[in-house]
Amino acid sequence: MDGLEVLRKLRAQEKTRNIPVIILSNYDEEDLVARGLRLGAHEYLIKARTTPSSLSEGIEDWLKE
């Protein structure tokens, strides 16, 4: 099972539907990004373009959504 399938299963269950999910991946194909966001990820970040500080800066905003 890949991460997108995990996200789909999380969104399908009442208990886990609203858990904030941030995808951090090495794959930056447009269709994968679009699918992740369509499934309900708050953000889809590419590992090679994401620093620890930029990741930590987004946490507060992601938890507000």
C-alpha atoms as a PDB file:
ATOM      1  CA  MET A   1       0.000   0.000   0.000  1.00  0.00           C
ATOM      2  CA  ASP A   2       1.439   3.387  -0.946  1.00  0.00           C
ATOM      3  CA  GLY A   3       0.980   6.686   0.854  1.00  0.00           C
ATOM      4  CA  LEU A   4      -1.844   7.844  -1.394  1.00  0.00           C
ATOM      5  CA  GLU A   5      -3.787   4.690  -0.600  1.00  0.00           C
ATOM      6  CA  VAL A   6      -3.199   5.291   3.116  1.00  0.00           C
ATOM      7  CA  LEU A   7      -4.542   8.830   2.688  1.00  0.00           C
ATOM      8  CA  ARG A   8      -7.606   7.528   0.834  1.00  0.00           C
ATOM      9  CA  LYS A   9      -8.320   5.097   3.676  1.00  0.00           C
ATOM     10  CA  LEU A  10      -7.840   7.813   6.300  1.00  0.00           C
ATOM     11  CA  ARG A  11     -10.312  10.094   4.538  1.00  0.00           C
ATOM     12  CA  ALA A  12     -12.849   7.273   4.197  1.00  0.00           C
ATOM     13  CA  GLN A  13     -13.149   6.745   7.957  1.00  0.00           C
ATOM     14  CA  GLU A  14     -15.069   9.076  10.250  1.00  0.00           C
ATOM     15  CA  LYS A  15     -12.456   8.850  13.044  1.00  0.00           C
ATOM     16  CA  THR A  16      -9.531   9.851  10.820  1.00  0.00           C
ATOM     17  CA  ARG A  17     -11.219  11.995   8.162  1.00  0.00           C
ATOM     18  CA  ASN A  18     -10.038  15.326   9.580  1.00  0.00           C
ATOM     19  CA  ILE A  19      -6.450  14.452  10.528  1.00  0.00           C
ATOM     20  CA  PRO A  20      -4.142  16.933   8.777  1.00  0.00           C
ATOM     21  CA  VAL A  21      -1.909  15.135   6.262  1.00  0.00           C
ATOM     22  CA  ILE A  22       1.152  16.618   4.591  1.00  0.00           C
ATOM     23  CA  ILE A  23       2.687  14.557   1.811  1.00  0.00           C
ATOM     24  CA  LEU A  24       6.490  14.670   1.693  1.00  0.00           C
ATOM     25  CA  SER A  25       7.681  12.828  -1.399  1.00  0.00           C
ATOM     26  CA  ASN A  26      10.478  12.589  -3.935  1.00  0.00           C
ATOM     27  CA  TYR A  27       7.908  12.189  -6.706  1.00  0.00           C
ATOM     28  CA  ASP A  28       6.880  15.461  -8.304  1.00  0.00           C
ATOM     29  CA  GLU A  29       4.779  14.243 -11.233  1.00  0.00           C
ATOM     30  CA  GLU A  30       1.781  16.520 -11.710  1.00  0.00           C
ATOM     31  CA  ASP A  31      -0.710  13.674 -11.613  1.00  0.00           C
ATOM     32  CA  LEU A  32       0.598  12.408  -8.254  1.00  0.00           C
ATOM     33  CA  VAL A  33       0.554  15.897  -6.738  1.00  0.00           C
ATOM     34  CA  ALA A  34      -2.978  16.491  -8.020  1.00  0.00           C
ATOM     35  CA  ARG A  35      -4.163  13.099  -6.735  1.00  0.00           C
ATOM     36  CA  GLY A  36      -2.706  13.730  -3.278  1.00  0.00           C
ATOM     37  CA  LEU A  37      -4.377  17.118  -3.009  1.00  0.00           C
ATOM     38  CA  ARG A  38      -7.643  15.770  -4.397  1.00  0.00           C
ATOM     39  CA  LEU A  39      -7.588  13.032  -1.750  1.00  0.00           C
ATOM     40  CA  GLY A  40      -7.393  15.727   0.911  1.00  0.00           C
ATOM     41  CA  ALA A  41      -3.742  16.333   1.717  1.00  0.00           C
ATOM     42  CA  HIS A  42      -3.182  19.818   3.090  1.00  0.00           C
ATOM     43  CA  GLU A  43       0.075  20.121   1.189  1.00  0.00           C
ATOM     44  CA  TYR A  44       2.255  18.086  -1.170  1.00  0.00           C
ATOM     45  CA  LEU A  45       5.933  18.877  -0.642  1.00  0.00           C
ATOM     46  CA  ILE A  46       8.890  17.663  -2.657  1.00  0.00           C
ATOM     47  CA  LYS A  47      11.736  16.483  -0.408  1.00  0.00           C
ATOM     48  CA  ALA A  48      14.508  17.950  -2.573  1.00  0.00           C
ATOM     49  CA  ARG A  49      12.859  21.400  -2.351  1.00  0.00           C
ATOM     50  CA  THR A  50      11.864  21.316   1.305  1.00  0.00           C
ATOM     51  CA  THR A  51      14.082  22.315   4.198  1.00  0.00           C
ATOM     52  CA  PRO A  52      13.450  21.373   7.816  1.00  0.00           C
ATOM     53  CA  SER A  53      12.850  25.036   8.647  1.00  0.00           C
ATOM     54  CA  SER A  54      10.283  25.499   5.854  1.00  0.00           C
ATOM     55  CA  LEU A  55       8.546  22.338   6.989  1.00  0.00           C
ATOM     56  CA  SER A  56       8.353  23.471  10.601  1.00  0.00           C
ATOM     57  CA  GLU A  57       7.116  26.923   9.551  1.00  0.00           C
ATOM     58  CA  GLY A  58       4.020  25.403   7.950  1.00  0.00           C
ATOM     59  CA  ILE A  59       2.915  23.290  10.897  1.00  0.00           C
ATOM     60  CA  GLU A  60       0.944  25.985  12.697  1.00  0.00           C
ATOM     61  CA  ASP A  61      -0.966  26.940   9.536  1.00  0.00           C
ATOM     62  CA  TRP A  62      -1.684  23.315   8.614  1.00  0.00           C
ATOM     63  CA  LEU A  63      -3.148  22.640  12.047  1.00  0.00           C
ATOM     64  CA  LYS A  64      -5.528  25.603  11.669  1.00  0.00           C
ATOM     65  CA  GLU A  65      -7.084  24.249   8.472  1.00  0.00           C
END
